[in-house]
Amino acid sequence: AIVERALGAHRRGGAHPATRTFQALRIAVNHEMESLAALLRDGPALLNPGGRMLVISYHSLEDRPVKERFRDLAHTEDYTAISRKVIKPSVAETARNPRARSAKLRCIERSAQ
């Protein structure tokens, strides 16, 4: 209610104004960005040849570093991007699971050497 008073009432059918506020608190308290950075830094080297690393992100704060790291890795001989574009849920998936609407899947594969 405090956030709603500060930001204004939410629109019908839209997300509650406090949603982003509590999302930001969760991200900070759980050190989610630091954990993601460590995963992106260390994870690819742990893959066996032919192994794949998939990451599902739900907002741009997560997706941007994943996109950039996977792009950088794909420009080396050691890794290949599995799909050129991000994979998003279908309309049918979103209808069955509305929380999937913002999901973005990215994947790289370690080259067989």
PDB file of N, CA and C in Angstrom:
ATOM      1  N   ALA A   1       0.825  -1.191   0.000  1.00  0.00           N
ATOM      2  CA  ALA A   1       0.000   0.000   0.000  1.00  0.00           C
ATOM      3  C   ALA A   1       0.877   1.267   0.000  1.00  0.00           C
ATOM      4  N   ILE A   2       1.999   1.217   0.717  1.00  0.00           N
ATOM      5  CA  ILE A   2       2.895   2.371   0.767  1.00  0.00           C
ATOM      6  C   ILE A   2       3.477   2.650  -0.609  1.00  0.00           C
ATOM      7  N   VAL A   3       3.947   1.617  -1.290  1.00  0.00           N
ATOM      8  CA  VAL A   3       4.500   1.789  -2.635  1.00  0.00           C
ATOM      9  C   VAL A   3       3.415   2.277  -3.582  1.00  0.00           C
ATOM     10  N   GLU A   4       2.224   1.719  -3.460  1.00  0.00           N
ATOM     11  CA  GLU A   4       1.115   2.138  -4.325  1.00  0.00           C
ATOM     12  C   GLU A   4       0.782   3.611  -4.110  1.00  0.00           C
ATOM     13  N   ARG A   5       0.802   4.072  -2.876  1.00  0.00           N
ATOM     14  CA  ARG A   5       0.541   5.493  -2.611  1.00  0.00           C
ATOM     15  C   ARG A   5       1.646   6.367  -3.204  1.00  0.00           C
ATOM     16  N   ALA A   6       2.887   5.904  -3.127  1.00  0.00           N
ATOM     17  CA  ALA A   6       4.007   6.692  -3.644  1.00  0.00           C
ATOM     18  C   ALA A   6       4.033   6.731  -5.175  1.00  0.00           C
ATOM     19  N   LEU A   7       3.705   5.606  -5.804  1.00  0.00           N
ATOM     20  CA  LEU A   7       3.798   5.515  -7.263  1.00  0.00           C
ATOM     21  C   LEU A   7       2.471   5.731  -7.975  1.00  0.00           C
ATOM     22  N   GLY A   8       1.389   5.653  -7.262  1.00  0.00           N
ATOM     23  CA  GLY A   8       0.073   5.785  -7.879  1.00  0.00           C
ATOM     24  C   GLY A   8      -0.586   4.421  -8.032  1.00  0.00           C
ATOM     25  N   ALA A   9      -1.884   4.448  -8.195  1.00  0.00           N
ATOM     26  CA  ALA A   9      -2.659   3.211  -8.312  1.00  0.00           C
ATOM     27  C   ALA A   9      -2.289   2.470  -9.592  1.00  0.00           C
ATOM     28  N   HIS A  10      -2.406   1.153  -9.533  1.00  0.00           N
ATOM     29  CA  HIS A  10      -2.084   0.367 -10.723  1.00  0.00           C
ATOM     30  C   HIS A  10      -3.263   0.328 -11.686  1.00  0.00           C
ATOM     31  N   ARG A  11      -2.918   0.152 -12.948  1.00  0.00           N
ATOM     32  CA  ARG A  11      -3.942   0.072 -13.981  1.00  0.00           C
ATOM     33  C   ARG A  11      -4.607  -1.293 -13.944  1.00  0.00           C
ATOM     34  N   ARG A  12      -5.826  -1.323 -14.348  1.00  0.00           N
ATOM     35  CA  ARG A  12      -6.586  -2.560 -14.389  1.00  0.00           C
ATOM     36  C   ARG A  12      -5.883  -3.558 -15.318  1.00  0.00           C
ATOM     37  N   GLY A  13      -5.635  -4.739 -14.807  1.00  0.00           N
ATOM     38  CA  GLY A  13      -4.985  -5.762 -15.614  1.00  0.00           C
ATOM     39  C   GLY A  13      -3.471  -5.664 -15.625  1.00  0.00           C
ATOM     40  N   GLY A  14      -2.922  -4.568 -15.152  1.00  0.00           N
ATOM     41  CA  GLY A  14      -1.471  -4.401 -15.132  1.00  0.00           C
ATOM     42  C   GLY A  14      -0.874  -4.928 -13.850  1.00  0.00           C
ATOM     43  N   ALA A  15       0.427  -4.932 -13.800  1.00  0.00           N
ATOM     44  CA  ALA A  15       1.117  -5.396 -12.597  1.00  0.00           C
ATOM     45  C   ALA A  15       0.939  -4.374 -11.476  1.00  0.00           C
ATOM     46  N   HIS A  16       0.923  -4.853 -10.275  1.00  0.00           N
ATOM     47  CA  HIS A  16       0.819  -3.974  -9.109  1.00  0.00           C
ATOM     48  C   HIS A  16       2.076  -3.106  -9.048  1.00  0.00           C
ATOM     49  N   PRO A  17       1.946  -1.837  -8.670  1.00  0.00           N
ATOM     50  CA  PRO A  17       3.114  -0.942  -8.630  1.00  0.00           C
ATOM     51  C   PRO A  17       4.250  -1.450  -7.739  1.00  0.00           C
ATOM     52  N   ALA A  18       3.948  -2.229  -6.736  1.00  0.00           N
ATOM     53  CA  ALA A  18       4.989  -2.711  -5.832  1.00  0.00           C
ATOM     54  C   ALA A  18       5.757  -3.897  -6.412  1.00  0.00           C
ATOM     55  N   THR A  19       5.306  -4.453  -7.523  1.00  0.00           N
ATOM     56  CA  THR A  19       5.957  -5.633  -8.096  1.00  0.00           C
ATOM     57  C   THR A  19       7.431  -5.377  -8.367  1.00  0.00           C
ATOM     58  N   ARG A  20       7.754  -4.317  -9.060  1.00  0.00           N
ATOM     59  CA  ARG A  20       9.151  -4.024  -9.396  1.00  0.00           C
ATOM     60  C   ARG A  20       9.964  -3.663  -8.156  1.00  0.00           C
ATOM     61  N   THR A  21       9.333  -3.006  -7.206  1.00  0.00           N
ATOM     62  CA  THR A  21      10.028  -2.649  -5.970  1.00  0.00           C
ATOM     63  C   THR A  21      10.470  -3.907  -5.229  1.00  0.00           C
ATOM     64  N   PHE A  22       9.551  -4.867  -5.081  1.00  0.00           N
ATOM     65  CA  PHE A  22       9.894  -6.097  -4.373  1.00  0.00           C
ATOM     66  C   PHE A  22      10.827  -6.978  -5.199  1.00  0.00           C
ATOM     67  N   GLN A  23      10.733  -6.900  -6.509  1.00  0.00           N
ATOM     68  CA  GLN A  23      11.676  -7.612  -7.370  1.00  0.00           C
ATOM     69  C   GLN A  23      13.091  -7.082  -7.122  1.00  0.00           C
ATOM     70  N   ALA A  24      13.230  -5.764  -7.067  1.00  0.00           N
ATOM     71  CA  ALA A  24      14.539  -5.155  -6.821  1.00  0.00           C
ATOM     72  C   ALA A  24      15.079  -5.545  -5.446  1.00  0.00           C
ATOM     73  N   LEU A  25      14.228  -5.582  -4.454  1.00  0.00           N
ATOM     74  CA  LEU A  25      14.658  -5.996  -3.114  1.00  0.00           C
ATOM     75  C   LEU A  25      15.120  -7.457  -3.115  1.00  0.00           C
ATOM     76  N   ARG A  26      14.358  -8.330  -3.795  1.00  0.00           N
ATOM     77  CA  ARG A  26      14.725  -9.744  -3.874  1.00  0.00           C
ATOM     78  C   ARG A  26      16.072  -9.927  -4.562  1.00  0.00           C
ATOM     79  N   ILE A  27      16.273  -9.217  -5.660  1.00  0.00           N
ATOM     80  CA  ILE A  27      17.532  -9.299  -6.407  1.00  0.00           C
ATOM     81  C   ILE A  27      18.699  -8.875  -5.530  1.00  0.00           C
ATOM     82  N   ALA A  28      18.528  -7.790  -4.777  1.00  0.00           N
ATOM     83  CA  ALA A  28      19.606  -7.291  -3.910  1.00  0.00           C
ATOM     84  C   ALA A  28      19.871  -8.232  -2.740  1.00  0.00           C
ATOM     85  N   VAL A  29      18.828  -8.664  -2.053  1.00  0.00           N
ATOM     86  CA  VAL A  29      18.978  -9.508  -0.871  1.00  0.00           C
ATOM     87  C   VAL A  29      19.599 -10.861  -1.236  1.00  0.00           C
ATOM     88  N   ASN A  30      19.213 -11.424  -2.371  1.00  0.00           N
ATOM     89  CA  ASN A  30      19.707 -12.749  -2.775  1.00  0.00           C
ATOM     90  C   ASN A  30      21.003 -12.691  -3.581  1.00  0.00           C
ATOM     91  N   HIS A  31      21.512 -11.486  -3.810  1.00  0.00           N
ATOM     92  CA  HIS A  31      22.750 -11.303  -4.589  1.00  0.00           C
ATOM     93  C   HIS A  31      22.643 -11.992  -5.953  1.00  0.00           C
ATOM     94  N   GLU A  32      21.484 -11.846  -6.575  1.00  0.00           N
ATOM     95  CA  GLU A  32      21.218 -12.562  -7.818  1.00  0.00           C
ATOM     96  C   GLU A  32      22.133 -12.141  -8.957  1.00  0.00           C
ATOM     97  N   MET A  33      22.445 -10.876  -9.071  1.00  0.00           N
ATOM     98  CA  MET A  33      23.305 -10.432 -10.175  1.00  0.00           C
ATOM     99  C   MET A  33      24.738 -10.916  -9.984  1.00  0.00           C
ATOM    100  N   GLU A  34      25.202 -10.956  -8.747  1.00  0.00           N
ATOM    101  CA  GLU A  34      26.538 -11.457  -8.473  1.00  0.00           C
ATOM    102  C   GLU A  34      26.622 -12.957  -8.773  1.00  0.00           C
ATOM    103  N   SER A  35      25.563 -13.689  -8.414  1.00  0.00           N
ATOM    104  CA  SER A  35      25.523 -15.126  -8.692  1.00  0.00           C
ATOM    105  C   SER A  35      25.493 -15.388 -10.192  1.00  0.00           C
ATOM    106  N   LEU A  36      24.723 -14.584 -10.926  1.00  0.00           N
ATOM    107  CA  LEU A  36      24.660 -14.736 -12.379  1.00  0.00           C
ATOM    108  C   LEU A  36      26.017 -14.448 -13.002  1.00  0.00           C
ATOM    109  N   ALA A  37      26.686 -13.403 -12.530  1.00  0.00           N
ATOM    110  CA  ALA A  37      28.008 -13.064 -13.060  1.00  0.00           C
ATOM    111  C   ALA A  37      28.998 -14.207 -12.837  1.00  0.00           C
ATOM    112  N   ALA A  38      28.951 -14.821 -11.667  1.00  0.00           N
ATOM    113  CA  ALA A  38      29.851 -15.944 -11.373  1.00  0.00           C
ATOM    114  C   ALA A  38      29.533 -17.135 -12.267  1.00  0.00           C
ATOM    115  N   LEU A  39      28.267 -17.409 -12.469  1.00  0.00           N
ATOM    116  CA  LEU A  39      27.861 -18.507 -13.353  1.00  0.00           C
ATOM    117  C   LEU A  39      28.346 -18.267 -14.778  1.00  0.00           C
ATOM    118  N   LEU A  40      28.157 -17.056 -15.270  1.00  0.00           N
ATOM    119  CA  LEU A  40      28.567 -16.745 -16.641  1.00  0.00           C
ATOM    120  C   LEU A  40      30.087 -16.749 -16.791  1.00  0.00           C
ATOM    121  N   ARG A  41      30.783 -16.406 -15.738  1.00  0.00           N
ATOM    122  CA  ARG A  41      32.248 -16.400 -15.771  1.00  0.00           C
ATOM    123  C   ARG A  41      32.808 -17.824 -15.731  1.00  0.00           C
ATOM    124  N   ASP A  42      32.304 -18.649 -14.807  1.00  0.00           N
ATOM    125  CA  ASP A  42      32.894 -19.951 -14.541  1.00  0.00           C
ATOM    126  C   ASP A  42      32.199 -21.122 -15.243  1.00  0.00           C
ATOM    127  N   GLY A  43      30.915 -21.001 -15.498  1.00  0.00           N
ATOM    128  CA  GLY A  43      30.128 -22.108 -16.028  1.00  0.00           C
ATOM    129  C   GLY A  43      30.588 -22.666 -17.358  1.00  0.00           C
ATOM    130  N   PRO A  44      30.842 -21.835 -18.354  1.00  0.00           N
ATOM    131  CA  PRO A  44      31.220 -22.391 -19.659  1.00  0.00           C
ATOM    132  C   PRO A  44      32.461 -23.279 -19.615  1.00  0.00           C
ATOM    133  N   ALA A  45      33.426 -22.954 -18.798  1.00  0.00           N
ATOM    134  CA  ALA A  45      34.652 -23.756 -18.716  1.00  0.00           C
ATOM    135  C   ALA A  45      34.398 -25.128 -18.107  1.00  0.00           C
ATOM    136  N   LEU A  46      33.298 -25.297 -17.404  1.00  0.00           N
ATOM    137  CA  LEU A  46      32.975 -26.574 -16.778  1.00  0.00           C
ATOM    138  C   LEU A  46      32.304 -27.546 -17.741  1.00  0.00           C
ATOM    139  N   LEU A  47      31.898 -27.066 -18.917  1.00  0.00           N
ATOM    140  CA  LEU A  47      31.228 -27.931 -19.886  1.00  0.00           C
ATOM    141  C   LEU A  47      32.197 -28.918 -20.517  1.00  0.00           C
ATOM    142  N   ASN A  48      31.744 -30.144 -20.698  1.00  0.00           N
ATOM    143  CA  ASN A  48      32.492 -31.126 -21.473  1.00  0.00           C
ATOM    144  C   ASN A  48      32.337 -30.767 -22.948  1.00  0.00           C
ATOM    145  N   PRO A  49      33.232 -31.230 -23.810  1.00  0.00           N
ATOM    146  CA  PRO A  49      33.037 -31.003 -25.246  1.00  0.00           C
ATOM    147  C   PRO A  49      31.669 -31.541 -25.677  1.00  0.00           C
ATOM    148  N   GLY A  50      30.932 -30.731 -26.390  1.00  0.00           N
ATOM    149  CA  GLY A  50      29.572 -31.085 -26.799  1.00  0.00           C
ATOM    150  C   GLY A  50      28.525 -30.738 -25.759  1.00  0.00           C
ATOM    151  N   GLY A  51      28.965 -30.303 -24.554  1.00  0.00           N
ATOM    152  CA  GLY A  51      28.033 -29.930 -23.490  1.00  0.00           C
ATOM    153  C   GLY A  51      27.377 -28.591 -23.786  1.00  0.00           C
ATOM    154  N   ARG A  52      26.180 -28.441 -23.299  1.00  0.00           N
ATOM    155  CA  ARG A  52      25.424 -27.202 -23.524  1.00  0.00           C
ATOM    156  C   ARG A  52      25.100 -26.507 -22.211  1.00  0.00           C
ATOM    157  N   MET A  53      25.094 -25.183 -22.283  1.00  0.00           N
ATOM    158  CA  MET A  53      24.711 -24.348 -21.151  1.00  0.00           C
ATOM    159  C   MET A  53      23.512 -23.531 -21.592  1.00  0.00           C
ATOM    160  N   LEU A  54      22.411 -23.683 -20.860  1.00  0.00           N
ATOM    161  CA  LEU A  54      21.192 -22.946 -21.160  1.00  0.00           C
ATOM    162  C   LEU A  54      20.871 -22.040 -19.989  1.00  0.00           C
ATOM    163  N   VAL A  55      20.437 -20.819 -20.299  1.00  0.00           N
ATOM    164  CA  VAL A  55      20.050 -19.866 -19.263  1.00  0.00           C
ATOM    165  C   VAL A  55      18.701 -19.280 -19.647  1.00  0.00           C
ATOM    166  N   ILE A  56      17.771 -19.313 -18.700  1.00  0.00           N
ATOM    167  CA  ILE A  56      16.482 -18.645 -18.884  1.00  0.00           C
ATOM    168  C   ILE A  56      16.523 -17.371 -18.055  1.00  0.00           C
ATOM    169  N   SER A  57      16.286 -16.243 -18.697  1.00  0.00           N
ATOM    170  CA  SER A  57      16.242 -14.962 -17.987  1.00  0.00           C
ATOM    171  C   SER A  57      14.817 -14.422 -18.056  1.00  0.00           C
ATOM    172  N   TYR A  58      14.475 -13.606 -17.075  1.00  0.00           N
ATOM    173  CA  TYR A  58      13.099 -13.108 -16.979  1.00  0.00           C
ATOM    174  C   TYR A  58      12.988 -11.594 -17.063  1.00  0.00           C
ATOM    175  N   HIS A  59      14.105 -10.899 -17.066  1.00  0.00           N
ATOM    176  CA  HIS A  59      14.064  -9.448 -17.246  1.00  0.00           C
ATOM    177  C   HIS A  59      15.385  -8.987 -17.834  1.00  0.00           C
ATOM    178  N   SER A  60      15.401  -7.775 -18.360  1.00  0.00           N
ATOM    179  CA  SER A  60      16.560  -7.299 -19.114  1.00  0.00           C
ATOM    180  C   SER A  60      17.820  -7.189 -18.256  1.00  0.00           C
ATOM    181  N   LEU A  61      17.652  -6.967 -16.970  1.00  0.00           N
ATOM    182  CA  LEU A  61      18.809  -6.885 -16.083  1.00  0.00           C
ATOM    183  C   LEU A  61      19.573  -8.211 -16.077  1.00  0.00           C
ATOM    184  N   GLU A  62      18.845  -9.323 -16.211  1.00  0.00           N
ATOM    185  CA  GLU A  62      19.483 -10.637 -16.301  1.00  0.00           C
ATOM    186  C   GLU A  62      19.887 -10.951 -17.737  1.00  0.00           C
ATOM    187  N   ASP A  63      19.026 -10.618 -18.675  1.00  0.00           N
ATOM    188  CA  ASP A  63      19.237 -11.054 -20.052  1.00  0.00           C
ATOM    189  C   ASP A  63      20.435 -10.394 -20.714  1.00  0.00           C
ATOM    190  N   ARG A  64      20.668  -9.140 -20.456  1.00  0.00           N
ATOM    191  CA  ARG A  64      21.771  -8.436 -21.120  1.00  0.00           C
ATOM    192  C   ARG A  64      23.123  -9.094 -20.867  1.00  0.00           C
ATOM    193  N   PRO A  65      23.500  -9.385 -19.604  1.00  0.00           N
ATOM    194  CA  PRO A  65      24.803 -10.038 -19.403  1.00  0.00           C
ATOM    195  C   PRO A  65      24.874 -11.440 -20.020  1.00  0.00           C
ATOM    196  N   VAL A  66      23.763 -12.177 -20.008  1.00  0.00           N
ATOM    197  CA  VAL A  66      23.748 -13.507 -20.627  1.00  0.00           C
ATOM    198  C   VAL A  66      23.966 -13.368 -22.126  1.00  0.00           C
ATOM    199  N   LYS A  67      23.243 -12.464 -22.747  1.00  0.00           N
ATOM    200  CA  LYS A  67      23.360 -12.230 -24.188  1.00  0.00           C
ATOM    201  C   LYS A  67      24.793 -11.844 -24.560  1.00  0.00           C
ATOM    202  N   GLU A  68      25.364 -10.912 -23.829  1.00  0.00           N
ATOM    203  CA  GLU A  68      26.711 -10.437 -24.136  1.00  0.00           C
ATOM    204  C   GLU A  68      27.759 -11.535 -23.918  1.00  0.00           C
ATOM    205  N   ARG A  69      27.655 -12.285 -22.836  1.00  0.00           N
ATOM    206  CA  ARG A  69      28.636 -13.340 -22.554  1.00  0.00           C
ATOM    207  C   ARG A  69      28.546 -14.456 -23.595  1.00  0.00           C
ATOM    208  N   PHE A  70      27.329 -14.873 -23.923  1.00  0.00           N
ATOM    209  CA  PHE A  70      27.168 -15.935 -24.909  1.00  0.00           C
ATOM    210  C   PHE A  70      27.633 -15.459 -26.286  1.00  0.00           C
ATOM    211  N   ARG A  71      27.392 -14.209 -26.606  1.00  0.00           N
ATOM    212  CA  ARG A  71      27.864 -13.665 -27.886  1.00  0.00           C
ATOM    213  C   ARG A  71      29.391 -13.669 -27.931  1.00  0.00           C
ATOM    214  N   ASP A  72      30.012 -13.228 -26.837  1.00  0.00           N
ATOM    215  CA  ASP A  72      31.478 -13.219 -26.784  1.00  0.00           C
ATOM    216  C   ASP A  72      32.050 -14.635 -26.903  1.00  0.00           C
ATOM    217  N   LEU A  73      31.438 -15.588 -26.216  1.00  0.00           N
ATOM    218  CA  LEU A  73      31.901 -16.969 -26.297  1.00  0.00           C
ATOM    219  C   LEU A  73      31.723 -17.543 -27.698  1.00  0.00           C
ATOM    220  N   ALA A  74      30.617 -17.195 -28.350  1.00  0.00           N
ATOM    221  CA  ALA A  74      30.335 -17.715 -29.693  1.00  0.00           C
ATOM    222  C   ALA A  74      31.316 -17.185 -30.730  1.00  0.00           C
ATOM    223  N   HIS A  75      32.004 -16.087 -30.418  1.00  0.00           N
ATOM    224  CA  HIS A  75      33.006 -15.540 -31.335  1.00  0.00           C
ATOM    225  C   HIS A  75      34.367 -16.213 -31.177  1.00  0.00           C
ATOM    226  N   THR A  76      34.447 -17.193 -30.296  1.00  0.00           N
ATOM    227  CA  THR A  76      35.681 -17.960 -30.137  1.00  0.00           C
ATOM    228  C   THR A  76      35.501 -19.311 -30.832  1.00  0.00           C
ATOM    229  N   GLU A  77      36.571 -20.044 -30.969  1.00  0.00           N
ATOM    230  CA  GLU A  77      36.499 -21.375 -31.586  1.00  0.00           C
ATOM    231  C   GLU A  77      35.968 -22.421 -30.612  1.00  0.00           C
ATOM    232  N   ASP A  78      35.924 -22.086 -29.328  1.00  0.00           N
ATOM    233  CA  ASP A  78      35.577 -23.072 -28.308  1.00  0.00           C
ATOM    234  C   ASP A  78      34.080 -23.260 -28.084  1.00  0.00           C
ATOM    235  N   TYR A  79      33.259 -22.307 -28.513  1.00  0.00           N
ATOM    236  CA  TYR A  79      31.818 -22.366 -28.241  1.00  0.00           C
ATOM    237  C   TYR A  79      31.023 -21.967 -29.474  1.00  0.00           C
ATOM    238  N   THR A  80      29.797 -22.499 -29.544  1.00  0.00           N
ATOM    239  CA  THR A  80      28.895 -22.198 -30.646  1.00  0.00           C
ATOM    240  C   THR A  80      27.542 -21.810 -30.069  1.00  0.00           C
ATOM    241  N   ALA A  81      26.937 -20.765 -30.612  1.00  0.00           N
ATOM    242  CA  ALA A  81      25.573 -20.398 -30.223  1.00  0.00           C
ATOM    243  C   ALA A  81      24.622 -21.401 -30.871  1.00  0.00           C
ATOM    244  N   ILE A  82      23.724 -21.971 -30.098  1.00  0.00           N
ATOM    245  CA  ILE A  82      22.795 -22.973 -30.621  1.00  0.00           C
ATOM    246  C   ILE A  82      21.722 -22.320 -31.484  1.00  0.00           C
ATOM    247  N   SER A  83      21.243 -21.177 -31.091  1.00  0.00           N
ATOM    248  CA  SER A  83      20.267 -20.453 -31.912  1.00  0.00           C
ATOM    249  C   SER A  83      20.741 -19.020 -32.093  1.00  0.00           C
ATOM    250  N   ARG A  84      20.490 -18.493 -33.259  1.00  0.00           N
ATOM    251  CA  ARG A  84      20.941 -17.123 -33.533  1.00  0.00           C
ATOM    252  C   ARG A  84      20.101 -16.105 -32.770  1.00  0.00           C
ATOM    253  N   LYS A  85      18.857 -16.417 -32.539  1.00  0.00           N
ATOM    254  CA  LYS A  85      17.967 -15.498 -31.839  1.00  0.00           C
ATOM    255  C   LYS A  85      17.529 -16.118 -30.520  1.00  0.00           C
ATOM    256  N   VAL A  86      17.115 -15.256 -29.627  1.00  0.00           N
ATOM    257  CA  VAL A  86      16.608 -15.705 -28.333  1.00  0.00           C
ATOM    258  C   VAL A  86      15.343 -16.534 -28.562  1.00  0.00           C
ATOM    259  N   ILE A  87      15.132 -17.537 -27.708  1.00  0.00           N
ATOM    260  CA  ILE A  87      13.938 -18.375 -27.793  1.00  0.00           C
ATOM    261  C   ILE A  87      12.950 -17.877 -26.747  1.00  0.00           C
ATOM    262  N   LYS A  88      11.750 -17.548 -27.214  1.00  0.00           N
ATOM    263  CA  LYS A  88      10.703 -17.030 -26.334  1.00  0.00           C
ATOM    264  C   LYS A  88       9.543 -18.017 -26.308  1.00  0.00           C
ATOM    265  N   PRO A  89       8.713 -17.975 -25.265  1.00  0.00           N
ATOM    266  CA  PRO A  89       7.586 -18.902 -25.198  1.00  0.00           C
ATOM    267  C   PRO A  89       6.561 -18.598 -26.295  1.00  0.00           C
ATOM    268  N   SER A  90       5.893 -19.643 -26.740  1.00  0.00           N
ATOM    269  CA  SER A  90       4.851 -19.480 -27.754  1.00  0.00           C
ATOM    270  C   SER A  90       3.612 -18.842 -27.128  1.00  0.00           C
ATOM    271  N   VAL A  91       2.703 -18.438 -27.969  1.00  0.00           N
ATOM    272  CA  VAL A  91       1.433 -17.875 -27.484  1.00  0.00           C
ATOM    273  C   VAL A  91       0.698 -18.922 -26.658  1.00  0.00           C
ATOM    274  N   ALA A  92       0.735 -20.177 -27.107  1.00  0.00           N
ATOM    275  CA  ALA A  92       0.061 -21.258 -26.377  1.00  0.00           C
ATOM    276  C   ALA A  92       0.688 -21.455 -24.999  1.00  0.00           C
ATOM    277  N   GLU A  93       2.016 -21.432 -24.928  1.00  0.00           N
ATOM    278  CA  GLU A  93       2.700 -21.581 -23.642  1.00  0.00           C
ATOM    279  C   GLU A  93       2.338 -20.440 -22.706  1.00  0.00           C
ATOM    280  N   THR A  94       2.324 -19.231 -23.232  1.00  0.00           N
ATOM    281  CA  THR A  94       1.983 -18.066 -22.410  1.00  0.00           C
ATOM    282  C   THR A  94       0.535 -18.142 -21.928  1.00  0.00           C
ATOM    283  N   ALA A  95      -0.347 -18.667 -22.772  1.00  0.00           N
ATOM    284  CA  ALA A  95      -1.749 -18.827 -22.368  1.00  0.00           C
ATOM    285  C   ALA A  95      -1.868 -19.832 -21.221  1.00  0.00           C
ATOM    286  N   ARG A  96      -1.107 -20.932 -21.291  1.00  0.00           N
ATOM    287  CA  ARG A  96      -1.120 -21.940 -20.224  1.00  0.00           C
ATOM    288  C   ARG A  96      -0.400 -21.459 -18.974  1.00  0.00           C
ATOM    289  N   ASN A  97       0.646 -20.650 -19.181  1.00  0.00           N
ATOM    290  CA  ASN A  97       1.489 -20.221 -18.070  1.00  0.00           C
ATOM    291  C   ASN A  97       1.844 -18.745 -18.245  1.00  0.00           C
ATOM    292  N   PRO A  98       1.008 -17.842 -17.753  1.00  0.00           N
ATOM    293  CA  PRO A  98       1.243 -16.410 -17.953  1.00  0.00           C
ATOM    294  C   PRO A  98       2.589 -15.921 -17.423  1.00  0.00           C
ATOM    295  N   ARG A  99       3.161 -16.592 -16.429  1.00  0.00           N
ATOM    296  CA  ARG A  99       4.464 -16.175 -15.902  1.00  0.00           C
ATOM    297  C   ARG A  99       5.588 -16.394 -16.900  1.00  0.00           C
ATOM    298  N   ALA A 100       5.336 -17.196 -17.910  1.00  0.00           N
ATOM    299  CA  ALA A 100       6.358 -17.469 -18.929  1.00  0.00           C
ATOM    300  C   ALA A 100       6.497 -16.324 -19.927  1.00  0.00           C
ATOM    301  N   ARG A 101       5.611 -15.369 -19.898  1.00  0.00           N
ATOM    302  CA  ARG A 101       5.574 -14.327 -20.937  1.00  0.00           C
ATOM    303  C   ARG A 101       6.883 -13.564 -21.092  1.00  0.00           C
ATOM    304  N   SER A 102       7.638 -13.406 -20.041  1.00  0.00           N
ATOM    305  CA  SER A 102       8.874 -12.629 -20.142  1.00  0.00           C
ATOM    306  C   SER A 102      10.127 -13.502 -20.242  1.00  0.00           C
ATOM    307  N   ALA A 103       9.960 -14.825 -20.271  1.00  0.00           N
ATOM    308  CA  ALA A 103      11.108 -15.725 -20.291  1.00  0.00           C
ATOM    309  C   ALA A 103      11.853 -15.656 -21.623  1.00  0.00           C
ATOM    310  N   LYS A 104      13.182 -15.694 -21.539  1.00  0.00           N
ATOM    311  CA  LYS A 104      14.047 -15.728 -22.724  1.00  0.00           C
ATOM    312  C   LYS A 104      15.084 -16.815 -22.501  1.00  0.00           C
ATOM    313  N   LEU A 105      15.198 -17.724 -23.463  1.00  0.00           N
ATOM    314  CA  LEU A 105      16.136 -18.838 -23.367  1.00  0.00           C
ATOM    315  C   LEU A 105      17.295 -18.618 -24.326  1.00  0.00           C
ATOM    316  N   ARG A 106      18.504 -18.772 -23.809  1.00  0.00           N
ATOM    317  CA  ARG A 106      19.712 -18.672 -24.632  1.00  0.00           C
ATOM    318  C   ARG A 106      20.556 -19.907 -24.352  1.00  0.00           C
ATOM    319  N   CYS A 107      21.310 -20.358 -25.373  1.00  0.00           N
ATOM    320  CA  CYS A 107      22.071 -21.591 -25.248  1.00  0.00           C
ATOM    321  C   CYS A 107      23.373 -21.515 -26.030  1.00  0.00           C
ATOM    322  N   ILE A 108      24.437 -22.024 -25.415  1.00  0.00           N
ATOM    323  CA  ILE A 108      25.716 -22.202 -26.111  1.00  0.00           C
ATOM    324  C   ILE A 108      26.149 -23.655 -25.958  1.00  0.00           C
ATOM    325  N   GLU A 109      27.006 -24.072 -26.860  1.00  0.00           N
ATOM    326  CA  GLU A 109      27.538 -25.437 -26.826  1.00  0.00           C
ATOM    327  C   GLU A 109      29.053 -25.373 -26.897  1.00  0.00           C
ATOM    328  N   ARG A 110      29.710 -26.173 -26.076  1.00  0.00           N
ATOM    329  CA  ARG A 110      31.170 -26.248 -26.136  1.00  0.00           C
ATOM    330  C   ARG A 110      31.539 -27.123 -27.322  1.00  0.00           C
ATOM    331  N   SER A 111      32.450 -26.653 -28.134  1.00  0.00           N
ATOM    332  CA  SER A 111      32.850 -27.375 -29.327  1.00  0.00           C
ATOM    333  C   SER A 111      33.524 -28.690 -28.964  1.00  0.00           C
ATOM    334  N   ALA A 112      33.232 -29.717 -29.748  1.00  0.00           N
ATOM    335  CA  ALA A 112      33.903 -30.992 -29.569  1.00  0.00           C
ATOM    336  C   ALA A 112      35.325 -30.850 -30.085  1.00  0.00           C
ATOM    337  N   GLN A 113      36.284 -31.175 -29.264  1.00  0.00           N
ATOM    338  CA  GLN A 113      37.686 -30.958 -29.666  1.00  0.00           C
ATOM    339  C   GLN A 113      38.460 -32.225 -29.749  1.00  0.00           C
TER     340      GLN A 113
END
